[in-house]
Amino acid sequence: MKGYIISGIQQIGVGVKDLKTAWDWYIKVFGMDCLIFEEEAEAKLMLPYTGGKPRRRHAVLAMNMQSGGGFEVWQYKGREPLPRDRETKLGDYGIFSCKMKVRDVTASYRHFISTGVECLGEPAPDPAGKLNFFVKDPFGNIFQIVEATDWLMNLRKISGGAYGAVIGVSDIDKALKIYSDVLGYDRIIYDKTGNFDDFASVPGGKGRYRRILLSPTKPFHGGFNPLFGQSQIELVETMDKTATKIFEGRYWGDLGFIHLCYDISGMDKLRNYCLESGCPFRVDSQKSHEGNSFDMGEAAGHFSYIEDPDGTLIEFVETHKVPIIRKLGWYLNLKKRDPNKALPGWMIKSLRFSRVKEKR
């Protein structure tokens, strides 16, 4: 028995040049306006991925209260973040695209077109017959717009938050040890090889690929799961071209999708299971802080990182303290709660009082 609980995707990390400009765009287009924490500090524990030196950074964790994972918008301070030295193409190893949840794909496409968002082609069916399309932000990041049915609130926003990711891997069968076993995406929605119309509009998308779409057989659950919701992971392996690592020669925090983060409970159990599974923690704040919580500005907890077989970073956060209504100084201590039970809906929805307006 694994003994740990995954509550869902807490956030996907996005390395940017200008945090304010990027976050404003994500608020306007994706409704990521609920501020969970904001911190400017040194990242001291990520030395294997920051050139062996602590690096100062400014980061915010922002959510969409309609549901879905958040964005950790991340900017280096005192160092110019590096772009990739080539165009990232589908199948390159790492996070190619963040999936974003919407209620209606066709209506979302019309909305994005009318508001000037760059859409990469029109909606097209995936191998399961579900319409989807891709958009690109002004900073070069690609998002896949997909339909979802699980929602927390209806704030009349066109989208919710993160619903998963499209991840390039060198060998899908090897990668399944992480994504199906450790992360729990053990249900195969489809596993197809060929050329795909819905991929044709993205860089490199006209090649031949094996793609497998995964979801959990046992739905994610736990404290904040009503906000995080469910999610899907799509692994993509190129069949006819040479792929390269998206973050080859660059640091964590450089431009692009830097990690995929899960909210969990039971870090000790998870550590043991990952070690047994051949994917040991590469970063472990609990050991670095002798079991004490790691202070993340207005939040606190433990965090750790593993790598998939191609080096893509997956983060786990066990939250101990989180602000519910910041203005009133109301913080929730999660260490005293049953990790299997969802928090009351009214309590989760109280996070909406931390919403911020664009053009901060």
Protein backbone atom coordinates (compact mmCIF):
# COMPACT_ATOMS: atom_id res chain seq x y z
CA MET A 1 0.00 0.00 0.00
CA LYS A 2 1.38 3.38 -1.02
CA GLY A 3 0.08 5.30 1.99
CA TYR A 4 0.20 8.81 0.51
CA ILE A 5 -2.63 10.94 -0.89
CA ILE A 6 -2.53 13.04 -4.03
CA SER A 7 -5.13 15.81 -3.95
CA GLY A 8 -4.50 17.01 -7.50
CA ILE A 9 -2.35 19.35 -9.53
CA GLN A 10 -1.56 22.30 -7.28
CA GLN A 11 0.22 24.30 -9.98
CA ILE A 12 2.38 24.29 -13.05
CA GLY A 13 5.52 26.43 -12.85
CA VAL A 14 6.06 29.04 -15.56
CA GLY A 15 9.40 30.81 -15.85
CA VAL A 16 8.99 34.36 -17.18
CA LYS A 17 11.03 37.52 -17.78
CA ASP A 18 8.52 39.95 -16.26
CA LEU A 19 6.24 38.55 -13.56
CA LYS A 20 3.81 41.46 -13.54
CA THR A 21 3.29 41.46 -17.30
CA ALA A 22 2.90 37.69 -17.46
CA TRP A 23 0.56 37.44 -14.50
CA ASP A 24 -1.61 40.25 -15.82
CA TRP A 25 -2.02 38.29 -19.06
CA TYR A 26 -2.87 35.08 -17.19
CA ILE A 27 -5.46 36.97 -15.12
CA LYS A 28 -7.05 38.51 -18.20
CA VAL A 29 -7.06 35.40 -20.41
CA PHE A 30 -7.23 32.46 -17.99
CA GLY A 31 -8.74 34.06 -14.89
CA MET A 32 -5.75 33.22 -12.65
CA ASP A 33 -6.59 36.00 -10.20
CA CYS A 34 -6.67 34.35 -6.76
CA LEU A 35 -3.38 35.03 -4.98
CA ILE A 36 -2.33 32.19 -2.67
CA PHE A 37 1.16 33.45 -1.91
CA GLU A 38 3.71 35.92 -3.19
CA GLU A 39 7.34 35.78 -2.18
CA GLU A 40 10.68 37.25 -3.18
CA ALA A 41 13.51 35.19 -1.71
CA GLU A 42 16.46 32.94 -2.49
CA ALA A 43 15.80 29.47 -3.83
CA LYS A 44 18.43 27.74 -1.70
CA LEU A 45 17.45 24.09 -2.05
CA MET A 46 17.29 23.75 -5.84
CA LEU A 47 21.06 23.80 -6.28
CA PRO A 48 21.17 20.75 -8.61
CA TYR A 49 19.03 22.75 -11.04
CA THR A 50 20.35 26.30 -10.54
CA GLY A 51 24.01 25.89 -11.37
CA GLY A 52 25.01 24.93 -7.82
CA LYS A 53 24.19 28.39 -6.43
CA PRO A 54 21.22 29.85 -4.55
CA ARG A 55 19.25 32.08 -6.90
CA ARG A 56 17.02 34.96 -5.95
CA ARG A 57 13.55 34.90 -7.44
CA HIS A 58 10.13 36.49 -7.26
CA ALA A 59 7.18 34.08 -7.45
CA VAL A 60 3.41 34.09 -7.08
CA LEU A 61 1.02 31.18 -6.82
CA ALA A 62 -2.27 32.14 -8.46
CA MET A 63 -5.44 30.08 -8.86
CA ASN A 64 -8.70 30.23 -10.79
CA MET A 65 -11.58 29.75 -8.35
CA GLN A 66 -13.70 27.99 -10.95
CA SER A 67 -11.32 25.03 -10.34
CA GLY A 68 -8.15 23.54 -11.75
CA GLY A 69 -4.48 23.75 -10.90
CA GLY A 70 -2.78 27.11 -10.46
CA PHE A 71 0.23 28.80 -11.99
CA GLU A 72 3.44 29.45 -10.09
CA VAL A 73 4.65 32.45 -12.09
CA TRP A 74 8.38 32.58 -11.47
CA GLN A 75 10.94 35.29 -12.29
CA TYR A 76 14.67 35.36 -11.61
CA LYS A 77 15.99 38.46 -9.84
CA GLY A 78 19.56 39.50 -10.59
CA ARG A 79 19.86 37.03 -13.46
CA GLU A 80 18.42 37.20 -16.96
CA PRO A 81 16.34 34.04 -17.56
CA LEU A 82 17.41 32.17 -20.66
CA PRO A 83 15.16 31.23 -23.54
CA ARG A 84 15.75 28.01 -25.42
CA ASP A 85 18.32 28.21 -28.21
CA ARG A 86 15.87 26.60 -30.64
CA GLU A 87 12.14 26.25 -31.19
CA THR A 88 10.54 23.69 -28.91
CA LYS A 89 8.70 21.05 -30.93
CA LEU A 90 6.11 18.48 -29.99
CA GLY A 91 7.88 15.39 -28.67
CA ASP A 92 10.84 17.27 -27.20
CA TYR A 93 11.46 15.98 -23.69
CA GLY A 94 9.68 17.97 -21.04
CA ILE A 95 6.43 19.87 -20.58
CA PHE A 96 5.37 20.95 -24.07
CA SER A 97 1.96 22.32 -23.17
CA CYS A 98 -0.27 22.98 -20.17
CA LYS A 99 -3.83 21.69 -20.55
CA MET A 100 -6.46 24.30 -19.58
CA LYS A 101 -10.02 23.29 -18.71
CA VAL A 102 -13.10 24.87 -20.28
CA ARG A 103 -16.79 24.02 -20.33
CA ASP A 104 -17.21 24.40 -24.11
CA VAL A 105 -14.27 24.15 -26.50
CA THR A 106 -16.03 25.73 -29.48
CA ALA A 107 -17.31 28.69 -27.47
CA SER A 108 -13.84 29.13 -25.95
CA TYR A 109 -12.27 29.20 -29.39
CA ARG A 110 -14.67 31.93 -30.53
CA HIS A 111 -13.94 33.90 -27.35
CA PHE A 112 -10.18 33.70 -27.71
CA ILE A 113 -10.32 34.65 -31.39
CA SER A 114 -12.54 37.65 -30.61
CA THR A 115 -10.23 38.86 -27.83
CA GLY A 116 -7.03 38.63 -29.87
CA VAL A 117 -5.48 35.54 -28.26
CA GLU A 118 -3.21 33.69 -30.68
CA CYS A 119 -4.91 30.39 -31.56
CA LEU A 120 -2.84 27.72 -33.30
CA GLY A 121 -5.42 26.26 -35.64
CA GLU A 122 -9.10 25.51 -35.15
CA PRO A 123 -10.66 22.96 -32.79
CA ALA A 124 -10.07 19.37 -33.91
CA PRO A 125 -10.87 15.98 -32.34
CA ASP A 126 -8.30 13.97 -30.41
CA PRO A 127 -8.23 10.15 -30.77
CA ALA A 128 -11.13 9.91 -28.28
CA GLY A 129 -13.20 12.30 -30.40
CA LYS A 130 -12.90 15.23 -27.97
CA LEU A 131 -12.42 18.67 -29.52
CA ASN A 132 -9.36 20.64 -28.47
CA PHE A 133 -7.13 23.41 -29.75
CA PHE A 134 -3.95 25.21 -28.79
CA VAL A 135 -3.21 28.83 -27.92
CA LYS A 136 0.11 30.59 -27.44
CA ASP A 137 0.76 33.29 -24.85
CA PRO A 138 2.85 36.38 -25.72
CA PHE A 139 5.86 34.73 -24.06
CA GLY A 140 5.97 31.64 -26.30
CA ASN A 141 4.22 29.14 -24.01
CA ILE A 142 1.62 26.83 -25.56
CA PHE A 143 -1.64 25.85 -23.84
CA GLN A 144 -4.05 23.13 -24.93
CA ILE A 145 -7.73 23.98 -24.43
CA VAL A 146 -9.74 20.90 -23.42
CA GLU A 147 -13.22 20.20 -22.10
CA ALA A 148 -13.84 19.29 -18.46
CA THR A 149 -16.96 18.67 -16.40
CA ASP A 150 -15.79 19.15 -12.78
CA TRP A 151 -16.17 22.71 -11.50
CA LEU A 152 -16.15 24.43 -8.10
CA MET A 153 -17.65 27.85 -8.85
CA ASN A 154 -19.21 29.62 -11.82
CA LEU A 155 -17.63 33.05 -12.09
CA ARG A 156 -18.47 33.40 -15.79
CA LYS A 157 -14.86 33.06 -16.83
CA ILE A 158 -14.17 31.33 -20.12
CA SER A 159 -11.70 28.88 -18.56
CA GLY A 160 -10.70 27.21 -15.36
CA GLY A 161 -7.16 26.43 -14.33
CA ALA A 162 -4.62 23.80 -15.28
CA TYR A 163 -6.07 20.41 -16.21
CA GLY A 164 -2.82 18.55 -16.85
CA ALA A 165 0.00 18.63 -19.35
CA VAL A 166 1.31 17.32 -22.65
CA ILE A 167 4.75 15.89 -21.88
CA GLY A 168 7.35 14.69 -24.36
CA VAL A 169 9.17 11.48 -23.41
CA SER A 170 11.76 9.25 -25.07
CA ASP A 171 10.00 6.00 -24.12
CA ILE A 172 6.35 5.98 -23.05
CA ASP A 173 6.54 2.53 -21.51
CA LYS A 174 9.39 3.55 -19.22
CA ALA A 175 7.72 6.85 -18.33
CA LEU A 176 4.54 5.07 -17.20
CA LYS A 177 6.35 3.96 -14.03
CA ILE A 178 6.21 7.58 -12.89
CA TYR A 179 2.97 8.84 -14.37
CA SER A 180 0.77 5.77 -13.95
CA ASP A 181 2.27 4.23 -10.82
CA VAL A 182 3.65 7.04 -8.65
CA LEU A 183 1.21 9.77 -9.76
CA GLY A 184 -1.79 7.48 -10.16
CA TYR A 185 -2.74 8.14 -13.81
CA ASP A 186 -3.43 4.47 -14.35
CA ARG A 187 -6.44 4.62 -16.68
CA ILE A 188 -5.64 4.68 -20.40
CA ILE A 189 -8.16 6.79 -22.32
CA TYR A 190 -6.35 6.10 -25.60
CA ASP A 191 -2.99 4.82 -26.81
CA LYS A 192 -2.55 5.62 -30.51
CA THR A 193 0.31 5.91 -32.98
CA GLY A 194 0.13 7.91 -36.21
CA ASN A 195 -0.34 11.40 -37.58
CA PHE A 196 -2.96 13.51 -35.82
CA ASP A 197 -5.02 16.42 -37.11
CA ASP A 198 -5.33 18.06 -33.68
CA PHE A 199 -1.52 18.20 -33.39
CA ALA A 200 -0.93 19.55 -36.90
CA SER A 201 -0.99 23.24 -35.92
CA VAL A 202 1.71 23.12 -33.23
CA PRO A 203 5.47 23.22 -33.89
CA GLY A 204 6.58 19.78 -35.08
CA GLY A 205 3.02 18.48 -34.88
CA LYS A 206 2.83 17.07 -38.41
CA GLY A 207 5.14 14.17 -37.59
CA ARG A 208 4.33 10.63 -36.52
CA TYR A 209 3.78 10.13 -32.80
CA ARG A 210 2.71 7.66 -30.20
CA ARG A 211 0.44 9.43 -27.75
CA ILE A 212 -1.22 8.08 -24.65
CA LEU A 213 -3.79 9.98 -22.61
CA LEU A 214 -4.03 9.04 -18.94
CA SER A 215 -6.38 9.75 -16.06
CA PRO A 216 -6.67 8.29 -12.55
CA THR A 217 -8.92 5.26 -12.05
CA LYS A 218 -9.38 6.38 -8.45
CA PRO A 219 -10.19 10.11 -8.52
CA PHE A 220 -7.85 12.42 -6.65
CA HIS A 221 -9.21 13.48 -3.27
CA GLY A 222 -8.21 15.36 -0.14
CA GLY A 223 -8.40 18.80 1.43
CA PHE A 224 -8.27 21.16 -1.55
CA ASN A 225 -9.32 18.67 -4.22
CA PRO A 226 -12.64 20.47 -4.88
CA LEU A 227 -10.51 23.40 -6.05
CA PHE A 228 -7.78 21.43 -7.85
CA GLY A 229 -10.25 19.00 -9.44
CA GLN A 230 -9.26 16.05 -11.61
CA SER A 231 -6.67 16.08 -14.39
CA GLN A 232 -5.10 14.23 -17.30
CA ILE A 233 -1.57 13.63 -18.50
CA GLU A 234 -0.74 13.05 -22.15
CA LEU A 235 2.61 11.47 -22.95
CA VAL A 236 3.96 11.98 -26.47
CA GLU A 237 6.81 10.04 -28.09
CA THR A 238 8.10 10.98 -31.53
CA MET A 239 8.43 8.16 -34.06
CA ASP A 240 10.19 9.92 -36.92
CA LYS A 241 12.45 12.69 -35.65
CA THR A 242 15.18 13.39 -33.11
CA ALA A 243 13.92 15.00 -29.93
CA THR A 244 15.92 17.08 -27.46
CA LYS A 245 15.47 18.10 -23.83
CA ILE A 246 13.55 21.35 -23.47
CA PHE A 247 15.70 22.46 -20.50
CA GLU A 248 19.03 21.13 -21.79
CA GLY A 249 21.76 23.60 -20.76
CA ARG A 250 19.34 25.83 -18.83
CA TYR A 251 18.32 26.27 -15.22
CA TRP A 252 15.06 25.55 -13.43
CA GLY A 253 13.28 28.89 -13.54
CA ASP A 254 14.44 29.80 -17.03
CA LEU A 255 11.75 30.57 -19.59
CA GLY A 256 9.00 28.01 -20.12
CA PHE A 257 7.17 25.36 -18.12
CA ILE A 258 9.61 24.51 -15.33
CA HIS A 259 7.76 21.84 -13.34
CA LEU A 260 4.46 20.12 -12.65
CA CYS A 261 3.43 20.26 -8.97
CA TYR A 262 1.08 18.03 -6.99
CA ASP A 263 -0.56 18.72 -3.63
CA ILE A 264 -0.01 15.65 -1.44
CA SER A 265 -0.30 14.31 2.09
CA GLY A 266 2.13 11.75 3.51
CA MET A 267 5.55 12.95 2.37
CA ASP A 268 7.39 10.21 4.29
CA LYS A 269 5.35 7.48 2.60
CA LEU A 270 5.84 9.12 -0.77
CA ARG A 271 9.60 9.40 -0.24
CA ASN A 272 9.83 5.68 0.51
CA TYR A 273 7.65 4.70 -2.43
CA CYS A 274 9.60 6.86 -4.88
CA LEU A 275 12.87 5.36 -3.64
CA GLU A 276 11.52 1.83 -4.10
CA SER A 277 10.26 2.77 -7.57
CA GLY A 278 13.66 4.00 -8.75
CA CYS A 279 12.82 7.71 -8.77
CA PRO A 280 14.28 9.05 -5.51
CA PHE A 281 13.73 12.60 -4.30
CA ARG A 282 16.29 14.92 -5.90
CA VAL A 283 15.32 17.80 -3.61
CA ASP A 284 13.79 17.31 -0.16
CA SER A 285 12.95 20.30 2.03
CA GLN A 286 11.91 18.08 4.94
CA LYS A 287 15.38 16.59 5.27
CA SER A 288 17.04 19.95 4.65
CA HIS A 289 15.01 21.53 7.46
CA GLU A 290 15.27 18.58 9.86
CA GLY A 291 11.54 17.94 9.65
CA ASN A 292 10.45 21.55 10.17
CA SER A 293 8.07 23.22 7.75
CA PHE A 294 9.57 25.19 4.89
CA ASP A 295 8.42 28.81 4.96
CA MET A 296 6.96 29.88 1.60
CA GLY A 297 6.12 33.45 2.55
CA GLU A 298 2.44 33.33 3.53
CA ALA A 299 2.29 29.53 3.28
CA ALA A 300 4.32 26.73 4.79
CA GLY A 301 4.89 23.01 4.33
CA HIS A 302 7.27 20.45 2.84
CA PHE A 303 8.24 20.16 -0.79
CA SER A 304 10.24 17.68 -2.84
CA TYR A 305 11.16 16.98 -6.45
CA ILE A 306 11.61 13.87 -8.56
CA GLU A 307 12.58 13.51 -12.22
CA ASP A 308 10.86 11.44 -14.87
CA PRO A 309 13.20 9.26 -17.00
CA ASP A 310 13.96 12.25 -19.26
CA GLY A 311 14.62 14.73 -16.46
CA THR A 312 11.26 16.50 -16.39
CA LEU A 313 10.75 17.90 -12.89
CA ILE A 314 7.74 16.87 -10.83
CA GLU A 315 7.20 18.67 -7.53
CA PHE A 316 5.24 17.50 -4.49
CA VAL A 317 3.99 19.93 -1.84
CA GLU A 318 2.57 18.89 1.52
CA THR A 319 0.89 22.06 2.73
CA HIS A 320 0.81 22.79 6.46
CA LYS A 321 -0.36 26.41 6.49
CA VAL A 322 -2.21 28.38 3.85
CA PRO A 323 -3.91 31.81 3.90
CA ILE A 324 -7.69 31.62 3.54
CA ILE A 325 -8.56 35.31 4.00
CA ARG A 326 -5.28 37.20 3.99
CA LYS A 327 -6.77 40.58 4.89
CA LEU A 328 -8.21 39.17 8.11
CA GLY A 329 -5.10 37.20 8.96
CA TRP A 330 -7.01 33.90 8.70
CA TYR A 331 -4.62 31.03 8.05
CA LEU A 332 -5.58 27.35 7.97
CA ASN A 333 -3.46 24.73 9.76
CA LEU A 334 -3.83 21.58 7.67
CA LYS A 335 -1.68 19.42 9.96
CA LYS A 336 -4.68 19.08 12.29
CA ARG A 337 -7.12 17.88 9.62
CA ASP A 338 -7.95 14.44 8.19
CA PRO A 339 -6.08 14.45 4.86
CA ASN A 340 -8.68 12.17 3.25
CA LYS A 341 -11.52 14.64 3.73
CA ALA A 342 -12.20 17.62 1.52
CA LEU A 343 -12.37 20.98 3.24
CA PRO A 344 -15.86 22.49 3.54
CA GLY A 345 -16.95 24.20 0.35
CA TRP A 346 -17.53 27.53 2.06
CA MET A 347 -13.97 27.50 3.40
CA ILE A 348 -12.41 26.80 0.00
CA LYS A 349 -14.62 29.41 -1.65
CA SER A 350 -13.42 31.95 0.91
CA LEU A 351 -10.18 32.04 -1.05
CA ARG A 352 -12.01 34.20 -3.58
CA PHE A 353 -11.51 37.15 -1.23
CA SER A 354 -7.82 36.97 -2.19
CA ARG A 355 -8.62 37.70 -5.83
CA VAL A 356 -6.69 40.55 -7.43
CA LYS A 357 -7.41 42.71 -10.43
CA GLU A 358 -5.29 42.79 -13.57
CA LYS A 359 -2.88 45.65 -14.14
CA ARG A 360 -1.54 45.42 -10.60
